[in-house]
Amino acid sequence: METFNQRLNTYIDSWMGPRDPRVKGWLLLDNYPPTLAFSITYLFIVWVGPKYMKSRKAVSCGRILVVYNLALTLLSLYMFHQLVTSAWQGGYNFFCQDTHSAGESDDKIIHVLWWYYFSKLIEFMDTFFFILRKNNHQITFLHVYHHATMLNIWWFVMNWVPCGHSYFGATFNSFIHVLMYSYYGLSAVPAVRPYLWWKKYITQGQLIQFVMTMIQTACAVVWPCGFPMGWLYFQISYMITLIILFMNFYIQTYKLRGATQEKGYGNGDATSLNGHVNGAVASEVLKRRKPRAD
């Protein structure tokens, strides 16, 4: 009798076409249900976690946050370096790059992008730290949407277009995450907080990332090279949603609330970034501020 995984794989393959055989047998990639289950579990914890913590004392995660953010900083730096060097060695074309045209460099990029996919599972911990620290106002639609969708999108990317034109967004995002998670980790060290100055520019960098990724993706539509056109249209559509959501977050955070939040930033406090914060000082910031309407 055909199993659920087999039926689901058959359905997905009939919809998406043949998978890339180079990732066959790789951890979490053969079947979609594990990735889907992780995502559903994540959403369930987002829903039930704040209710569970409501009558309980916030958990201090200072030391583990330093280790967690340092680990993600190093992983992001590794991925950025490997993607840049592999794309350079393979002569990747900015305007369009097929998935079967650079030989050994394609294989290297596929291995790095698997780590990029897996890192999206690790990053669910961002939200769990909010819940444990009772920073529930940071669990915004932007935060949950971005975290929940990325893991699923990259499962499909890894099975059908695990290299070629897919490299650019992951490369840029890895660089931004080096800046972002290093900020998070350093903000958890009280002596370092007054010297942190680049928080605002991370959000600006993210917006530049989405715009550049959309432009780079559109280039492959205008000058096609064999990279599947459906993926390009999907990528452009997804980037538009992120631009809209992050732009709204940027305006709300730095324009409409700028005067209020600058009082906290002046002391090196870690507040909202990328729709969320996981710094060790967040709860102290909230104690000194009136609750926000959102």
Protein backbone atom coordinates (compact mmCIF):
# COMPACT_ATOMS: atom_id res chain seq x y z
CA MET A 1 0.00 0.00 0.00
CA GLU A 2 1.24 3.45 -0.91
CA THR A 3 2.28 5.51 2.11
CA PHE A 4 1.26 9.09 2.80
CA ASN A 5 4.80 10.28 1.97
CA GLN A 6 4.72 8.46 -1.36
CA ARG A 7 1.30 9.88 -2.26
CA LEU A 8 2.38 13.39 -1.31
CA ASN A 9 5.66 13.05 -3.22
CA THR A 10 3.78 11.85 -6.28
CA TYR A 11 1.39 14.79 -6.07
CA ILE A 12 4.17 17.36 -5.59
CA ASP A 13 6.25 15.88 -8.41
CA SER A 14 3.25 15.93 -10.77
CA TRP A 15 2.79 19.60 -9.93
CA MET A 16 6.44 20.71 -9.88
CA GLY A 17 8.07 18.34 -12.37
CA PRO A 18 11.16 16.15 -11.86
CA ARG A 19 13.39 16.91 -8.87
CA ASP A 20 17.09 17.62 -9.01
CA PRO A 21 18.76 14.21 -8.46
CA ARG A 22 21.83 15.80 -6.86
CA VAL A 23 20.02 16.19 -3.50
CA LYS A 24 18.41 12.75 -3.41
CA GLY A 25 18.81 11.18 0.03
CA TRP A 26 19.86 14.41 1.76
CA LEU A 27 18.61 15.05 5.29
CA LEU A 28 14.99 16.37 5.34
CA LEU A 29 14.83 16.80 1.56
CA ASP A 30 13.35 13.55 0.25
CA ASN A 31 9.91 14.08 1.81
CA TYR A 32 8.00 17.27 2.51
CA PRO A 33 6.03 16.19 5.66
CA PRO A 34 8.97 16.72 8.10
CA THR A 35 9.42 20.32 6.93
CA LEU A 36 5.67 20.87 7.03
CA ALA A 37 5.48 19.32 10.51
CA PHE A 38 8.24 21.60 11.80
CA SER A 39 6.37 24.62 10.42
CA ILE A 40 3.04 23.58 11.93
CA THR A 41 4.73 22.92 15.27
CA TYR A 42 6.34 26.35 15.08
CA LEU A 43 2.98 28.03 14.47
CA PHE A 44 1.39 26.01 17.27
CA ILE A 45 4.09 27.13 19.72
CA VAL A 46 3.65 30.74 18.56
CA TRP A 47 -0.05 30.41 19.37
CA VAL A 48 0.08 28.47 22.65
CA GLY A 49 3.45 29.61 24.01
CA PRO A 50 2.44 33.13 25.16
CA LYS A 51 -0.67 31.66 26.81
CA TYR A 52 1.47 29.13 28.67
CA MET A 53 3.93 31.82 29.82
CA LYS A 54 1.26 34.35 30.78
CA SER A 55 1.10 33.31 34.44
CA ARG A 56 4.75 32.33 34.66
CA LYS A 57 7.93 34.27 35.26
CA ALA A 58 9.98 35.29 32.24
CA VAL A 59 13.02 33.09 31.65
CA SER A 60 16.43 34.75 31.58
CA CYS A 61 18.33 33.55 28.52
CA GLY A 62 21.33 35.88 28.64
CA ARG A 63 24.20 33.42 28.28
CA ILE A 64 22.49 31.07 25.89
CA LEU A 65 21.57 34.06 23.71
CA VAL A 66 25.22 35.02 23.40
CA VAL A 67 26.13 31.48 22.31
CA TYR A 68 23.11 31.14 20.01
CA ASN A 69 23.72 34.44 18.23
CA LEU A 70 27.46 33.83 17.95
CA ALA A 71 26.79 30.42 16.38
CA LEU A 72 24.39 31.91 13.82
CA THR A 73 26.84 34.72 13.10
CA LEU A 74 29.60 32.21 12.35
CA LEU A 75 27.29 29.99 10.29
CA SER A 76 26.10 33.01 8.26
CA LEU A 77 29.70 34.13 7.71
CA TYR A 78 30.63 30.64 6.53
CA MET A 79 27.71 30.49 4.10
CA PHE A 80 28.42 33.97 2.74
CA HIS A 81 32.09 33.19 2.15
CA GLN A 82 31.39 29.83 0.51
CA LEU A 83 28.66 31.18 -1.75
CA VAL A 84 30.75 34.14 -2.91
CA THR A 85 33.87 32.08 -3.61
CA SER A 86 31.95 29.24 -5.30
CA ALA A 87 29.98 31.62 -7.52
CA TRP A 88 33.19 33.41 -8.43
CA GLN A 89 35.06 30.18 -9.21
CA GLY A 90 32.14 28.93 -11.28
CA GLY A 91 31.90 32.15 -13.29
CA TYR A 92 28.31 32.73 -12.22
CA ASN A 93 26.48 35.34 -14.29
CA PHE A 94 24.63 38.02 -12.29
CA PHE A 95 21.93 38.40 -14.96
CA CYS A 96 21.02 34.71 -15.29
CA GLN A 97 22.56 31.42 -14.22
CA ASP A 98 21.19 27.98 -15.03
CA THR A 99 21.29 25.15 -12.48
CA HIS A 100 23.49 22.80 -14.58
CA SER A 101 26.22 24.98 -16.03
CA ALA A 102 29.08 25.35 -13.53
CA GLY A 103 30.00 21.77 -12.65
CA GLU A 104 31.91 21.49 -9.37
CA SER A 105 30.93 25.03 -8.32
CA ASP A 106 27.26 24.09 -8.62
CA ASP A 107 27.88 21.13 -6.29
CA LYS A 108 29.60 23.37 -3.73
CA ILE A 109 26.74 25.87 -3.81
CA ILE A 110 24.17 23.09 -3.38
CA HIS A 111 25.93 21.92 -0.20
CA VAL A 112 26.06 25.45 1.21
CA LEU A 113 22.43 26.12 0.34
CA TRP A 114 21.41 22.99 2.23
CA TRP A 115 22.91 24.65 5.32
CA TYR A 116 21.03 27.81 4.42
CA TYR A 117 17.77 25.82 4.31
CA PHE A 118 18.61 24.15 7.63
CA SER A 119 19.46 27.51 9.22
CA LYS A 120 15.85 28.57 8.69
CA LEU A 121 14.84 25.75 11.02
CA ILE A 122 17.39 26.87 13.62
CA GLU A 123 16.06 30.44 13.39
CA PHE A 124 12.71 29.33 14.79
CA MET A 125 14.53 29.77 18.10
CA ASP A 126 14.31 33.56 17.60
CA THR A 127 10.59 33.34 18.31
CA PHE A 128 10.93 30.82 21.11
CA PHE A 129 13.26 33.20 22.95
CA PHE A 130 10.59 35.92 22.69
CA ILE A 131 8.07 33.57 24.24
CA LEU A 132 10.38 32.51 27.07
CA ARG A 133 11.29 36.13 27.81
CA LYS A 134 7.64 37.22 27.44
CA ASN A 135 8.48 39.70 24.67
CA ASN A 136 5.18 38.87 22.99
CA HIS A 137 4.77 42.28 21.37
CA GLN A 138 7.73 41.39 19.16
CA ILE A 139 5.93 38.35 17.69
CA THR A 140 4.47 40.35 14.82
CA PHE A 141 2.86 39.17 11.61
CA LEU A 142 6.06 40.11 9.77
CA HIS A 143 8.18 38.04 12.13
CA VAL A 144 6.00 34.92 11.96
CA TYR A 145 5.34 35.21 8.21
CA HIS A 146 9.03 35.53 7.39
CA HIS A 147 10.15 32.65 9.63
CA ALA A 148 7.34 30.24 8.73
CA THR A 149 7.56 30.74 4.96
CA MET A 150 11.33 30.64 4.47
CA LEU A 151 11.81 27.05 5.65
CA ASN A 152 9.08 25.80 3.33
CA ILE A 153 10.18 27.85 0.34
CA TRP A 154 13.73 26.61 0.65
CA TRP A 155 12.63 22.98 0.86
CA PHE A 156 11.18 23.41 -2.63
CA VAL A 157 14.18 25.41 -3.82
CA MET A 158 16.57 22.68 -2.67
CA ASN A 159 14.60 19.98 -4.46
CA TRP A 160 14.16 21.76 -7.79
CA VAL A 161 16.56 24.69 -8.20
CA PRO A 162 19.33 24.16 -5.57
CA CYS A 163 21.95 26.28 -7.34
CA GLY A 164 22.25 28.61 -10.30
CA HIS A 165 20.17 31.78 -10.00
CA SER A 166 19.01 30.74 -6.51
CA TYR A 167 22.37 31.68 -5.01
CA PHE A 168 22.03 35.47 -4.98
CA GLY A 169 19.29 36.03 -2.40
CA ALA A 170 20.86 33.51 0.00
CA THR A 171 24.27 35.15 -0.37
CA PHE A 172 22.97 38.65 0.36
CA ASN A 173 20.81 37.36 3.22
CA SER A 174 23.75 35.54 4.80
CA PHE A 175 25.75 38.78 4.80
CA ILE A 176 22.86 40.66 6.45
CA HIS A 177 22.56 37.92 9.05
CA VAL A 178 26.23 38.29 9.95
CA LEU A 179 25.48 41.90 10.88
CA MET A 180 22.14 41.09 12.50
CA TYR A 181 23.11 38.16 14.72
CA SER A 182 26.39 39.77 15.71
CA TYR A 183 24.33 42.75 16.89
CA TYR A 184 22.01 40.44 18.83
CA GLY A 185 24.90 38.63 20.48
CA LEU A 186 26.79 41.78 21.41
CA SER A 187 23.64 43.46 22.75
CA ALA A 188 23.43 40.65 25.32
CA VAL A 189 26.74 41.85 26.83
CA PRO A 190 26.04 44.96 29.00
CA ALA A 191 29.53 46.44 28.64
CA VAL A 192 29.28 46.42 24.84
CA ARG A 193 25.78 47.90 24.41
CA PRO A 194 26.82 51.59 24.33
CA TYR A 195 29.06 50.92 21.33
CA LEU A 196 26.42 49.31 19.10
CA TRP A 197 25.49 51.71 16.35
CA TRP A 198 24.47 49.72 13.28
CA LYS A 199 20.99 48.45 14.22
CA LYS A 200 19.06 50.91 12.07
CA TYR A 201 21.25 50.17 9.07
CA ILE A 202 20.52 46.45 9.25
CA THR A 203 16.87 47.05 8.40
CA GLN A 204 17.94 49.36 5.58
CA GLY A 205 20.27 46.62 4.39
CA GLN A 206 17.44 44.12 4.41
CA LEU A 207 15.31 46.40 2.25
CA ILE A 208 18.24 46.83 -0.16
CA GLN A 209 18.62 43.04 -0.16
CA PHE A 210 15.01 42.47 -1.20
CA VAL A 211 15.13 45.13 -3.91
CA MET A 212 18.43 43.83 -5.30
CA THR A 213 17.19 40.24 -5.24
CA MET A 214 14.04 41.26 -7.10
CA ILE A 215 16.10 43.14 -9.70
CA GLN A 216 18.52 40.25 -10.11
CA THR A 217 15.62 37.83 -10.47
CA ALA A 218 13.92 40.07 -13.03
CA CYS A 219 17.13 40.09 -15.09
CA ALA A 220 16.72 36.35 -15.66
CA VAL A 221 13.19 37.00 -16.94
CA VAL A 222 14.43 39.62 -19.41
CA TRP A 223 17.57 37.67 -20.41
CA PRO A 224 16.60 33.99 -19.90
CA CYS A 225 19.23 31.25 -19.68
CA GLY A 226 17.17 28.15 -18.98
CA PHE A 227 16.47 28.76 -15.29
CA PRO A 228 12.78 27.80 -14.70
CA MET A 229 10.63 30.85 -15.34
CA GLY A 230 7.99 29.89 -12.74
CA TRP A 231 10.57 30.13 -9.96
CA LEU A 232 11.57 33.59 -11.12
CA TYR A 233 8.00 34.89 -11.03
CA PHE A 234 7.47 33.36 -7.59
CA GLN A 235 10.69 34.92 -6.28
CA ILE A 236 9.68 38.36 -7.52
CA SER A 237 6.23 38.02 -5.93
CA TYR A 238 7.69 36.92 -2.59
CA MET A 239 10.21 39.78 -2.60
CA ILE A 240 7.36 42.25 -3.14
CA THR A 241 5.57 40.97 -0.02
CA LEU A 242 8.76 41.33 2.02
CA ILE A 243 9.45 44.82 0.72
CA ILE A 244 5.94 45.92 1.67
CA LEU A 245 6.08 44.37 5.15
CA PHE A 246 9.62 45.49 5.98
CA MET A 247 8.99 49.00 4.65
CA ASN A 248 5.92 49.27 6.88
CA PHE A 249 8.01 48.03 9.83
CA TYR A 250 10.77 50.53 9.03
CA ILE A 251 8.35 53.46 8.81
CA GLN A 252 6.55 52.45 12.02
CA THR A 253 9.81 51.92 13.91
CA TYR A 254 12.11 54.67 12.69
CA LYS A 255 9.80 57.36 11.37
CA LEU A 256 6.56 57.40 13.38
CA ARG A 257 8.10 56.20 16.65
CA GLY A 258 11.60 57.56 16.10
CA ALA A 259 11.57 60.17 18.84
CA THR A 260 10.32 57.73 21.49
CA GLN A 261 12.61 54.86 20.58
CA GLU A 262 15.74 57.01 20.29
CA LYS A 263 15.62 57.42 24.09
CA GLY A 264 16.17 53.68 24.41
CA TYR A 265 18.69 53.43 21.57
CA GLY A 266 20.85 56.13 23.12
CA ASN A 267 21.66 53.73 25.94
CA GLY A 268 22.47 50.91 23.55
CA ASP A 269 19.22 49.07 24.27
CA ALA A 270 18.17 46.31 21.88
CA THR A 271 14.65 46.88 20.64
CA SER A 272 12.79 45.69 17.58
CA LEU A 273 14.85 44.62 14.58
CA ASN A 274 13.59 42.68 11.57
CA GLY A 275 10.23 42.63 13.34
CA HIS A 276 11.80 40.95 16.35
CA VAL A 277 14.51 41.07 18.99
CA ASN A 278 16.25 38.34 20.91
CA GLY A 279 18.78 40.42 22.82
CA ALA A 280 19.28 39.87 26.53
CA VAL A 281 18.32 43.43 27.46
CA ALA A 282 14.90 43.48 25.83
CA SER A 283 12.91 42.81 28.97
CA GLU A 284 14.67 45.65 30.78
CA VAL A 285 13.80 48.00 27.93
CA LEU A 286 10.15 47.04 28.19
CA LYS A 287 10.12 47.70 31.94
CA ARG A 288 11.22 51.27 31.33
CA ARG A 289 8.71 51.90 28.53
CA LYS A 290 4.96 52.10 28.41
CA PRO A 291 3.34 49.20 26.56
CA ARG A 292 2.83 49.91 22.88
CA ALA A 293 -0.57 49.70 21.22
CA ASP A 294 0.60 47.01 18.83
